[in-house]
C-alpha cells in the first residue's frame, strides 16, 4: 500500500469494487425497407403444390388479313414459346441456445433474435428481386449521376410503347436517387400536383415516398448498388417480374438433448423470373 500526502483511493486502485453493468436494452441492427416482394407478380403461386418448375406459355397476337373474292381464307399456325420459373432457391436462418446460457442469461436470446430470423429470409428475397432490374433491356440515365426529368419521362414511354398496363407501375429508387428527385421542381412544386397521385397512409407503405408522374415511388436502401458506384433504380409494371413462394417462411423448433440446446430454424423455398422484359426499365442513377 502506497502512502504520501497526495495518495488517495481512486478508480484505478478501487477497480475491483466497481461493477460493470450490462444494459437490459440492446443496439439492434437497423432493418432495410423491403419493398420488391410486395410489388411484383405473385399470381403463379396459385395451385402450386408440387414440382420444381412452372412453365408459363405465351399467347401471340393474330393478324387481320384481307379477304379476296371467291378464295379460301388462310388459317394461322402459331408456335408458341414459354417462360420457365425455376423453384430452386432454398434458404434458411437458424439459432441455437444452450440451456446453461438460457439459465444464466439476463434476457431471452431466442425471443431477442426471433424477429431477426424472419427478417433474414425477407431480406434474402428482396436481395434476389433487387438484382433483376439491371437485366432489363430498356435503360435510361448514367450510374452515379442524378437522373433528369427526361430520364423519367423516357422510362415511362418505354412501358407505354410496350402497351404495359397503366396500373401497378412502380418506381423503386435509392435514397440518393430520391435526393435527386427532391431537386426537381416537377417533383416538389405544388404547380405540378397534377403529376402526382394520392398519398399513402397505411403502415404497410412506410417505404412509399409519393407519386411522381402518377406512379408510386418507393425508396429503399436495398436497391442494388452503392452511392459511389451508382444504383440500379427501376420503373416496372408488376408483370415484369414474378415471385413464386412455394414454401413460405416456416419455423421449426426442438430441444436437442445431445447438446442441451434449444434450436430454432426457419426455411423458405422460392423462385423468381423476369417475365416481360419490355415491362421494366433499368434506371441507372445515383
C-alpha atoms as a PDB file:
ATOM      1  CA  UNK A   1       0.000   0.000   0.000  1.00  0.00           C
ATOM      2  CA  UNK A   2       1.380   3.415  -1.017  1.00  0.00           C
ATOM      3  CA  UNK A   3       1.487   6.336   1.422  1.00  0.00           C
ATOM      4  CA  UNK A   4       2.016  10.037   0.979  1.00  0.00           C
ATOM      5  CA  UNK A   5       0.326  13.396   1.158  1.00  0.00           C
ATOM      6  CA  UNK A   6      -1.052  13.102  -2.384  1.00  0.00           C
ATOM      7  CA  UNK A   7      -2.074   9.448  -2.285  1.00  0.00           C
ATOM      8  CA  UNK A   8      -5.775   8.540  -2.181  1.00  0.00           C
ATOM      9  CA  UNK A   9      -8.148   5.844  -3.325  1.00  0.00           C
ATOM     10  CA  UNK A  10      -9.162   6.403  -6.958  1.00  0.00           C
ATOM     11  CA  UNK A  11     -10.881   4.359  -9.668  1.00  0.00           C
ATOM     12  CA  UNK A  12      -7.646   2.610 -10.530  1.00  0.00           C
ATOM     13  CA  UNK A  13      -6.939   1.373  -7.021  1.00  0.00           C
ATOM     14  CA  UNK A  14     -10.612   0.587  -6.361  1.00  0.00           C
ATOM     15  CA  UNK A  15     -11.221  -1.093  -9.710  1.00  0.00           C
ATOM     16  CA  UNK A  16     -12.149  -4.468  -8.176  1.00  0.00           C
ATOM     17  CA  UNK A  17     -15.075  -2.824  -6.374  1.00  0.00           C
ATOM     18  CA  UNK A  18     -16.530  -1.004  -9.388  1.00  0.00           C
ATOM     19  CA  UNK A  19     -19.066  -3.172 -11.230  1.00  0.00           C
ATOM     20  CA  UNK A  20     -19.663  -3.128 -14.981  1.00  0.00           C
ATOM     21  CA  UNK A  21     -23.371  -3.149 -15.758  1.00  0.00           C
ATOM     22  CA  UNK A  22     -24.949  -4.732 -18.842  1.00  0.00           C
ATOM     23  CA  UNK A  23     -27.925  -2.727 -20.054  1.00  0.00           C
ATOM     24  CA  UNK A  24     -31.212  -4.622 -20.385  1.00  0.00           C
ATOM     25  CA  UNK A  25     -31.525  -2.849 -23.745  1.00  0.00           C
ATOM     26  CA  UNK A  26     -29.580  -3.659 -26.906  1.00  0.00           C
ATOM     27  CA  UNK A  27     -28.468  -1.850 -30.053  1.00  0.00           C
ATOM     28  CA  UNK A  28     -30.471  -3.801 -32.610  1.00  0.00           C
ATOM     29  CA  UNK A  29     -29.259  -3.649 -36.220  1.00  0.00           C
ATOM     30  CA  UNK A  30     -31.391  -1.367 -38.371  1.00  0.00           C
ATOM     31  CA  UNK A  31     -33.541  -3.153 -40.917  1.00  0.00           C
ATOM     32  CA  UNK A  32     -33.992  -2.045 -44.507  1.00  0.00           C
ATOM     33  CA  UNK A  33     -37.337  -1.327 -46.119  1.00  0.00           C
ATOM     34  CA  UNK A  34     -38.168  -4.454 -48.113  1.00  0.00           C
ATOM     35  CA  UNK A  35     -40.473  -3.479 -50.960  1.00  0.00           C
ATOM     36  CA  UNK A  36     -39.927  -5.651 -54.032  1.00  0.00           C
ATOM     37  CA  UNK A  37     -41.874  -8.728 -52.885  1.00  0.00           C
ATOM     38  CA  UNK A  38     -44.978  -6.558 -52.325  1.00  0.00           C
ATOM     39  CA  UNK A  39     -44.819  -5.076 -55.828  1.00  0.00           C
ATOM     40  CA  UNK A  40     -44.022  -7.959 -58.211  1.00  0.00           C
ATOM     41  CA  UNK A  41     -46.327 -10.554 -59.778  1.00  0.00           C
ATOM     42  CA  UNK A  42     -47.334 -13.357 -57.371  1.00  0.00           C
ATOM     43  CA  UNK A  43     -50.138 -14.934 -59.452  1.00  0.00           C
ATOM     44  CA  UNK A  44     -48.161 -18.018 -60.447  1.00  0.00           C
ATOM     45  CA  UNK A  45     -48.232 -19.335 -56.877  1.00  0.00           C
ATOM     46  CA  UNK A  46     -51.869 -20.334 -57.305  1.00  0.00           C
ATOM     47  CA  UNK A  47     -52.283 -24.106 -57.376  1.00  0.00           C
ATOM     48  CA  UNK A  48     -48.578 -24.811 -56.893  1.00  0.00           C
ATOM     49  CA  UNK A  49     -48.438 -27.857 -54.630  1.00  0.00           C
ATOM     50  CA  UNK A  50     -45.592 -29.870 -56.188  1.00  0.00           C
ATOM     51  CA  UNK A  51     -42.885 -29.674 -58.817  1.00  0.00           C
ATOM     52  CA  UNK A  52     -39.736 -27.593 -59.264  1.00  0.00           C
ATOM     53  CA  UNK A  53     -40.532 -25.689 -62.482  1.00  0.00           C
ATOM     54  CA  UNK A  54     -43.504 -23.667 -63.677  1.00  0.00           C
ATOM     55  CA  UNK A  55     -43.931 -23.448 -67.459  1.00  0.00           C
ATOM     56  CA  UNK A  56     -45.810 -20.295 -68.435  1.00  0.00           C
ATOM     57  CA  UNK A  57     -46.897 -20.402 -72.102  1.00  0.00           C
ATOM     58  CA  UNK A  58     -47.084 -17.306 -74.261  1.00  0.00           C
ATOM     59  CA  UNK A  59     -50.044 -16.253 -76.397  1.00  0.00           C
ATOM     60  CA  UNK A  60     -49.155 -14.225 -79.507  1.00  0.00           C
ATOM     61  CA  UNK A  61     -51.310 -11.727 -81.367  1.00  0.00           C
ATOM     62  CA  UNK A  62     -53.005 -12.799 -84.602  1.00  0.00           C
ATOM     63  CA  UNK A  63     -53.009 -10.925 -87.904  1.00  0.00           C
ATOM     64  CA  UNK A  64     -56.031  -9.434 -89.665  1.00  0.00           C
ATOM     65  CA  UNK A  65     -55.968 -10.469 -93.358  1.00  0.00           C
ATOM     66  CA  UNK A  66     -57.700  -9.147 -96.435  1.00  0.00           C
ATOM     67  CA  UNK A  67     -60.366 -11.441 -97.885  1.00  0.00           C
ATOM     68  CA  UNK A  68     -60.297 -11.900-101.648  1.00  0.00           C
ATOM     69  CA  UNK A  69     -63.464 -12.805-103.508  1.00  0.00           C
ATOM     70  CA  UNK A  70     -64.020 -16.492-104.238  1.00  0.00           C
ATOM     71  CA  UNK A  71     -60.866 -17.588-102.397  1.00  0.00           C
ATOM     72  CA  UNK A  72     -60.409 -19.633 -99.268  1.00  0.00           C
ATOM     73  CA  UNK A  73     -59.236 -17.917 -96.136  1.00  0.00           C
ATOM     74  CA  UNK A  74     -55.836 -18.632 -94.571  1.00  0.00           C
ATOM     75  CA  UNK A  75     -55.595 -20.083 -91.086  1.00  0.00           C
ATOM     76  CA  UNK A  76     -52.672 -19.081 -88.941  1.00  0.00           C
ATOM     77  CA  UNK A  77     -50.362 -21.651 -87.454  1.00  0.00           C
ATOM     78  CA  UNK A  78     -48.881 -20.303 -84.244  1.00  0.00           C
ATOM     79  CA  UNK A  79     -45.942 -21.935 -82.488  1.00  0.00           C
ATOM     80  CA  UNK A  80     -45.703 -20.523 -79.010  1.00  0.00           C
ATOM     81  CA  UNK A  81     -42.778 -20.431 -76.595  1.00  0.00           C
ATOM     82  CA  UNK A  82     -42.868 -20.483 -72.818  1.00  0.00           C
ATOM     83  CA  UNK A  83     -41.121 -18.796 -69.920  1.00  0.00           C
ATOM     84  CA  UNK A  84     -39.996 -21.081 -67.107  1.00  0.00           C
ATOM     85  CA  UNK A  85     -39.882 -20.214 -63.431  1.00  0.00           C
ATOM     86  CA  UNK A  86     -37.442 -22.457 -61.577  1.00  0.00           C
ATOM     87  CA  UNK A  87     -38.271 -23.065 -57.912  1.00  0.00           C
ATOM     88  CA  UNK A  88     -34.806 -23.800 -56.598  1.00  0.00           C
ATOM     89  CA  UNK A  89     -33.841 -21.196 -54.006  1.00  0.00           C
ATOM     90  CA  UNK A  90     -33.940 -22.927 -50.625  1.00  0.00           C
ATOM     91  CA  UNK A  91     -32.767 -20.664 -47.795  1.00  0.00           C
ATOM     92  CA  UNK A  92     -32.842 -20.807 -44.009  1.00  0.00           C
ATOM     93  CA  UNK A  93     -31.841 -18.934 -40.870  1.00  0.00           C
ATOM     94  CA  UNK A  94     -31.218 -20.712 -37.567  1.00  0.00           C
ATOM     95  CA  UNK A  95     -30.101 -20.167 -33.988  1.00  0.00           C
ATOM     96  CA  UNK A  96     -29.418 -22.479 -31.041  1.00  0.00           C
ATOM     97  CA  UNK A  97     -29.024 -21.521 -27.376  1.00  0.00           C
ATOM     98  CA  UNK A  98     -27.500 -23.879 -24.806  1.00  0.00           C
ATOM     99  CA  UNK A  99     -29.535 -24.424 -21.646  1.00  0.00           C
ATOM    100  CA  UNK A 100     -26.760 -23.075 -19.367  1.00  0.00           C
ATOM    101  CA  UNK A 101     -26.808 -19.832 -21.345  1.00  0.00           C
ATOM    102  CA  UNK A 102     -30.587 -19.700 -21.168  1.00  0.00           C
ATOM    103  CA  UNK A 103     -30.492 -20.094 -17.375  1.00  0.00           C
ATOM    104  CA  UNK A 104     -27.654 -17.670 -16.658  1.00  0.00           C
ATOM    105  CA  UNK A 105     -28.525 -15.029 -19.257  1.00  0.00           C
ATOM    106  CA  UNK A 106     -30.341 -11.873 -18.193  1.00  0.00           C
ATOM    107  CA  UNK A 107     -32.530 -11.886 -21.317  1.00  0.00           C
ATOM    108  CA  UNK A 108     -34.288 -14.366 -23.594  1.00  0.00           C
ATOM    109  CA  UNK A 109     -31.905 -14.887 -26.515  1.00  0.00           C
ATOM    110  CA  UNK A 110     -34.435 -16.839 -28.566  1.00  0.00           C
ATOM    111  CA  UNK A 111     -37.004 -14.075 -28.225  1.00  0.00           C
ATOM    112  CA  UNK A 112     -34.359 -11.444 -28.925  1.00  0.00           C
ATOM    113  CA  UNK A 113     -33.437 -12.990 -32.278  1.00  0.00           C
ATOM    114  CA  UNK A 114     -36.840 -14.341 -33.329  1.00  0.00           C
ATOM    115  CA  UNK A 115     -37.646 -11.311 -35.451  1.00  0.00           C
ATOM    116  CA  UNK A 116     -34.169 -11.318 -36.976  1.00  0.00           C
ATOM    117  CA  UNK A 117     -34.676 -14.855 -38.275  1.00  0.00           C
ATOM    118  CA  UNK A 118     -37.716 -13.775 -40.259  1.00  0.00           C
ATOM    119  CA  UNK A 119     -36.032 -10.569 -41.420  1.00  0.00           C
ATOM    120  CA  UNK A 120     -33.046 -12.525 -42.739  1.00  0.00           C
ATOM    121  CA  UNK A 121     -35.326 -14.521 -45.044  1.00  0.00           C
ATOM    122  CA  UNK A 122     -37.292 -11.455 -46.113  1.00  0.00           C
ATOM    123  CA  UNK A 123     -34.058  -9.649 -46.937  1.00  0.00           C
ATOM    124  CA  UNK A 124     -32.879 -12.643 -48.968  1.00  0.00           C
ATOM    125  CA  UNK A 125     -35.965 -12.471 -51.209  1.00  0.00           C
ATOM    126  CA  UNK A 126     -35.659  -8.708 -51.568  1.00  0.00           C
ATOM    127  CA  UNK A 127     -31.958  -9.020 -52.459  1.00  0.00           C
ATOM    128  CA  UNK A 128     -32.775 -11.517 -55.203  1.00  0.00           C
ATOM    129  CA  UNK A 129     -35.501  -9.332 -56.697  1.00  0.00           C
ATOM    130  CA  UNK A 130     -33.353  -6.191 -56.412  1.00  0.00           C
ATOM    131  CA  UNK A 131     -30.761  -7.936 -58.584  1.00  0.00           C
ATOM    132  CA  UNK A 132     -33.121  -8.249 -61.571  1.00  0.00           C
ATOM    133  CA  UNK A 133     -33.651  -4.646 -62.825  1.00  0.00           C
ATOM    134  CA  UNK A 134     -30.193  -4.433 -64.421  1.00  0.00           C
ATOM    135  CA  UNK A 135     -31.282  -7.297 -66.705  1.00  0.00           C
ATOM    136  CA  UNK A 136     -33.955  -5.133 -68.346  1.00  0.00           C
ATOM    137  CA  UNK A 137     -33.079  -4.282 -71.953  1.00  0.00           C
ATOM    138  CA  UNK A 138     -34.510  -0.767 -71.700  1.00  0.00           C
ATOM    139  CA  UNK A 139     -32.231   1.649 -69.831  1.00  0.00           C
ATOM    140  CA  UNK A 140     -32.049   5.351 -69.056  1.00  0.00           C
ATOM    141  CA  UNK A 141     -29.601   7.509 -67.135  1.00  0.00           C
ATOM    142  CA  UNK A 142     -25.994   7.125 -66.022  1.00  0.00           C
ATOM    143  CA  UNK A 143     -24.712   5.289 -62.975  1.00  0.00           C
ATOM    144  CA  UNK A 144     -23.694   7.525 -60.036  1.00  0.00           C
ATOM    145  CA  UNK A 145     -25.397  10.562 -61.644  1.00  0.00           C
ATOM    146  CA  UNK A 146     -28.708  12.094 -60.647  1.00  0.00           C
ATOM    147  CA  UNK A 147     -31.482  11.377 -63.110  1.00  0.00           C
ATOM    148  CA  UNK A 148     -33.212  14.073 -65.119  1.00  0.00           C
ATOM    149  CA  UNK A 149     -36.895  14.695 -65.693  1.00  0.00           C
ATOM    150  CA  UNK A 150     -36.382  13.497 -69.269  1.00  0.00           C
ATOM    151  CA  UNK A 151     -34.941  10.204 -67.951  1.00  0.00           C
ATOM    152  CA  UNK A 152     -38.142   9.515 -66.034  1.00  0.00           C
ATOM    153  CA  UNK A 153     -40.333  10.526 -68.983  1.00  0.00           C
ATOM    154  CA  UNK A 154     -38.380   8.208 -71.295  1.00  0.00           C
ATOM    155  CA  UNK A 155     -38.687   5.343 -68.830  1.00  0.00           C
ATOM    156  CA  UNK A 156     -42.458   5.770 -68.794  1.00  0.00           C
ATOM    157  CA  UNK A 157     -42.516   5.918 -72.590  1.00  0.00           C
ATOM    158  CA  UNK A 158     -40.730   2.548 -72.747  1.00  0.00           C
ATOM    159  CA  UNK A 159     -43.624   0.994 -70.792  1.00  0.00           C
ATOM    160  CA  UNK A 160     -46.202   2.865 -72.873  1.00  0.00           C
ATOM    161  CA  UNK A 161     -44.557   1.649 -76.094  1.00  0.00           C
ATOM    162  CA  UNK A 162     -44.877  -1.939 -74.795  1.00  0.00           C
ATOM    163  CA  UNK A 163     -48.590  -1.429 -74.015  1.00  0.00           C
ATOM    164  CA  UNK A 164     -47.859  -2.242 -70.371  1.00  0.00           C
ATOM    165  CA  UNK A 165     -50.955  -1.680 -68.217  1.00  0.00           C
ATOM    166  CA  UNK A 166     -51.084   1.734 -66.558  1.00  0.00           C
ATOM    167  CA  UNK A 167     -51.992   0.202 -63.213  1.00  0.00           C
ATOM    168  CA  UNK A 168     -49.436  -1.490 -60.945  1.00  0.00           C
ATOM    169  CA  UNK A 169     -46.470   0.516 -62.183  1.00  0.00           C
ATOM    170  CA  UNK A 170     -43.824   1.384 -59.597  1.00  0.00           C
ATOM    171  CA  UNK A 171     -40.600   3.324 -59.215  1.00  0.00           C
ATOM    172  CA  UNK A 172     -38.164   1.747 -56.737  1.00  0.00           C
ATOM    173  CA  UNK A 173     -35.200   4.017 -56.092  1.00  0.00           C
ATOM    174  CA  UNK A 174     -32.310   4.574 -53.704  1.00  0.00           C
ATOM    175  CA  UNK A 175     -32.187   7.382 -51.128  1.00  0.00           C
ATOM    176  CA  UNK A 176     -29.561   9.077 -53.327  1.00  0.00           C
ATOM    177  CA  UNK A 177     -31.892   8.962 -56.330  1.00  0.00           C
ATOM    178  CA  UNK A 178     -34.728  10.321 -54.216  1.00  0.00           C
ATOM    179  CA  UNK A 179     -32.486  13.206 -53.146  1.00  0.00           C
ATOM    180  CA  UNK A 180     -32.079  13.981 -56.836  1.00  0.00           C
ATOM    181  CA  UNK A 181     -35.843  13.972 -57.274  1.00  0.00           C
ATOM    182  CA  UNK A 182     -36.168  16.460 -54.435  1.00  0.00           C
ATOM    183  CA  UNK A 183     -34.201  18.958 -56.525  1.00  0.00           C
ATOM    184  CA  UNK A 184     -36.752  18.833 -59.353  1.00  0.00           C
ATOM    185  CA  UNK A 185     -39.478  21.433 -59.401  1.00  0.00           C
ATOM    186  CA  UNK A 186     -41.662  18.895 -61.208  1.00  0.00           C
ATOM    187  CA  UNK A 187     -41.445  16.699 -58.119  1.00  0.00           C
ATOM    188  CA  UNK A 188     -41.667  19.227 -55.291  1.00  0.00           C
ATOM    189  CA  UNK A 189     -43.669  22.203 -56.558  1.00  0.00           C
ATOM    190  CA  UNK A 190     -47.407  22.422 -55.996  1.00  0.00           C
ATOM    191  CA  UNK A 191     -47.593  23.791 -59.526  1.00  0.00           C
ATOM    192  CA  UNK A 192     -47.149  20.209 -60.713  1.00  0.00           C
ATOM    193  CA  UNK A 193     -49.647  18.498 -58.396  1.00  0.00           C
ATOM    194  CA  UNK A 194     -51.433  17.101 -61.433  1.00  0.00           C
ATOM    195  CA  UNK A 195     -48.357  14.891 -61.958  1.00  0.00           C
ATOM    196  CA  UNK A 196     -48.747  13.200 -58.590  1.00  0.00           C
ATOM    197  CA  UNK A 197     -51.154  10.605 -57.307  1.00  0.00           C
ATOM    198  CA  UNK A 198     -52.705  10.401 -53.892  1.00  0.00           C
ATOM    199  CA  UNK A 199     -50.569   9.662 -50.849  1.00  0.00           C
ATOM    200  CA  UNK A 200     -50.391   6.506 -48.780  1.00  0.00           C
ATOM    201  CA  UNK A 201     -51.472   6.443 -45.135  1.00  0.00           C
ATOM    202  CA  UNK A 202     -51.173   2.808 -44.070  1.00  0.00           C
ATOM    203  CA  UNK A 203     -48.325   1.372 -42.014  1.00  0.00           C
ATOM    204  CA  UNK A 204     -47.660  -1.102 -44.835  1.00  0.00           C
ATOM    205  CA  UNK A 205     -46.449   1.768 -47.036  1.00  0.00           C
ATOM    206  CA  UNK A 206     -43.564   3.112 -44.932  1.00  0.00           C
ATOM    207  CA  UNK A 207     -41.211   2.948 -47.929  1.00  0.00           C
ATOM    208  CA  UNK A 208     -43.623   4.954 -50.074  1.00  0.00           C
ATOM    209  CA  UNK A 209     -42.375   8.481 -50.725  1.00  0.00           C
ATOM    210  CA  UNK A 210     -45.013   9.982 -53.013  1.00  0.00           C
ATOM    211  CA  UNK A 211     -46.254   9.500 -56.544  1.00  0.00           C
ATOM    212  CA  UNK A 212     -44.354  11.031 -59.442  1.00  0.00           C
ATOM    213  CA  UNK A 213     -45.996  11.327 -62.843  1.00  0.00           C
ATOM    214  CA  UNK A 214     -48.907   9.426 -61.248  1.00  0.00           C
ATOM    215  CA  UNK A 215     -46.682   6.432 -60.458  1.00  0.00           C
ATOM    216  CA  UNK A 216     -45.928   5.445 -56.820  1.00  0.00           C
ATOM    217  CA  UNK A 217     -42.309   5.970 -55.761  1.00  0.00           C
ATOM    218  CA  UNK A 218     -40.756   3.609 -53.210  1.00  0.00           C
ATOM    219  CA  UNK A 219     -37.419   4.364 -51.539  1.00  0.00           C
ATOM    220  CA  UNK A 220     -35.213   1.531 -50.318  1.00  0.00           C
ATOM    221  CA  UNK A 221     -31.599   1.213 -49.228  1.00  0.00           C
ATOM    222  CA  UNK A 222     -31.753  -2.307 -50.642  1.00  0.00           C
ATOM    223  CA  UNK A 223     -31.736  -1.122 -54.261  1.00  0.00           C
ATOM    224  CA  UNK A 224     -28.663  -2.815 -55.736  1.00  0.00           C
ATOM    225  CA  UNK A 225     -25.514  -0.689 -55.918  1.00  0.00           C
ATOM    226  CA  UNK A 226     -23.747   1.935 -53.808  1.00  0.00           C
ATOM    227  CA  UNK A 227     -23.545   5.710 -53.509  1.00  0.00           C
ATOM    228  CA  UNK A 228     -20.081   5.725 -55.097  1.00  0.00           C
ATOM    229  CA  UNK A 229     -20.806   3.331 -57.985  1.00  0.00           C
ATOM    230  CA  UNK A 230     -24.458   4.247 -58.514  1.00  0.00           C
ATOM    231  CA  UNK A 231     -27.669   2.287 -58.059  1.00  0.00           C
ATOM    232  CA  UNK A 232     -29.873   0.049 -60.194  1.00  0.00           C
ATOM    233  CA  UNK A 233     -33.084   2.005 -59.738  1.00  0.00           C
ATOM    234  CA  UNK A 234     -36.074   0.855 -61.709  1.00  0.00           C
ATOM    235  CA  UNK A 235     -39.502   1.513 -63.119  1.00  0.00           C
ATOM    236  CA  UNK A 236     -41.570  -1.575 -63.796  1.00  0.00           C
ATOM    237  CA  UNK A 237     -45.081  -2.815 -64.234  1.00  0.00           C
ATOM    238  CA  UNK A 238     -45.638  -5.723 -61.847  1.00  0.00           C
ATOM    239  CA  UNK A 239     -45.938  -8.343 -64.609  1.00  0.00           C
ATOM    240  CA  UNK A 240     -42.281  -7.713 -65.492  1.00  0.00           C
ATOM    241  CA  UNK A 241     -41.096  -9.888 -62.583  1.00  0.00           C
ATOM    242  CA  UNK A 242     -42.609 -12.961 -60.988  1.00  0.00           C
ATOM    243  CA  UNK A 243     -42.046 -14.263 -57.472  1.00  0.00           C
ATOM    244  CA  UNK A 244     -43.242 -17.724 -56.506  1.00  0.00           C
ATOM    245  CA  UNK A 245     -43.046 -18.731 -52.839  1.00  0.00           C
ATOM    246  CA  UNK A 246     -43.561 -22.491 -52.891  1.00  0.00           C
ATOM    247  CA  UNK A 247     -42.813 -22.637 -49.171  1.00  0.00           C
ATOM    248  CA  UNK A 248     -43.456 -19.507 -47.163  1.00  0.00           C
ATOM    249  CA  UNK A 249     -41.131 -18.934 -44.188  1.00  0.00           C
ATOM    250  CA  UNK A 250     -41.778 -21.956 -41.962  1.00  0.00           C
ATOM    251  CA  UNK A 251     -40.453 -22.276 -38.424  1.00  0.00           C
ATOM    252  CA  UNK A 252     -39.149 -25.466 -36.798  1.00  0.00           C
ATOM    253  CA  UNK A 253     -38.084 -25.763 -33.165  1.00  0.00           C
ATOM    254  CA  UNK A 254     -36.788 -28.515 -30.875  1.00  0.00           C
ATOM    255  CA  UNK A 255     -34.771 -29.195 -27.738  1.00  0.00           C
ATOM    256  CA  UNK A 256     -31.611 -31.158 -28.605  1.00  0.00           C
ATOM    257  CA  UNK A 257     -30.890 -33.439 -25.649  1.00  0.00           C
ATOM    258  CA  UNK A 258     -27.427 -34.325 -27.007  1.00  0.00           C
ATOM    259  CA  UNK A 259     -26.327 -30.691 -26.751  1.00  0.00           C
ATOM    260  CA  UNK A 260     -28.787 -29.396 -24.128  1.00  0.00           C
ATOM    261  CA  UNK A 261     -29.782 -26.637 -26.543  1.00  0.00           C
ATOM    262  CA  UNK A 262     -32.969 -25.061 -27.791  1.00  0.00           C
ATOM    263  CA  UNK A 263     -32.851 -24.889 -31.587  1.00  0.00           C
ATOM    264  CA  UNK A 264     -34.983 -22.747 -33.879  1.00  0.00           C
ATOM    265  CA  UNK A 265     -34.764 -22.661 -37.679  1.00  0.00           C
ATOM    266  CA  UNK A 266     -36.850 -21.022 -40.384  1.00  0.00           C
ATOM    267  CA  UNK A 267     -36.761 -22.110 -44.023  1.00  0.00           C
ATOM    268  CA  UNK A 268     -38.300 -20.959 -47.286  1.00  0.00           C
ATOM    269  CA  UNK A 269     -38.383 -22.158 -50.899  1.00  0.00           C
ATOM    270  CA  UNK A 270     -38.966 -19.823 -53.814  1.00  0.00           C
ATOM    271  CA  UNK A 271     -38.178 -18.842 -57.377  1.00  0.00           C
ATOM    272  CA  UNK A 272     -38.009 -15.586 -59.304  1.00  0.00           C
ATOM    273  CA  UNK A 273     -38.061 -14.829 -63.014  1.00  0.00           C
ATOM    274  CA  UNK A 274     -38.149 -11.874 -65.387  1.00  0.00           C
ATOM    275  CA  UNK A 275     -41.376 -12.479 -67.318  1.00  0.00           C
ATOM    276  CA  UNK A 276     -41.862  -9.414 -69.555  1.00  0.00           C
ATOM    277  CA  UNK A 277     -38.595  -7.677 -70.376  1.00  0.00           C
ATOM    278  CA  UNK A 278     -40.296  -4.691 -72.035  1.00  0.00           C
ATOM    279  CA  UNK A 279     -42.391  -4.021 -68.910  1.00  0.00           C
ATOM    280  CA  UNK A 280     -39.360  -2.855 -66.951  1.00  0.00           C
ATOM    281  CA  UNK A 281     -36.669  -0.166 -67.236  1.00  0.00           C
ATOM    282  CA  UNK A 282     -33.240  -0.101 -65.629  1.00  0.00           C
ATOM    283  CA  UNK A 283     -32.830   3.456 -64.360  1.00  0.00           C
ATOM    284  CA  UNK A 284     -29.113   3.907 -63.932  1.00  0.00           C
ATOM    285  CA  UNK A 285     -28.607   6.671 -61.423  1.00  0.00           C
ATOM    286  CA  UNK A 286     -27.403   7.902 -58.074  1.00  0.00           C
END
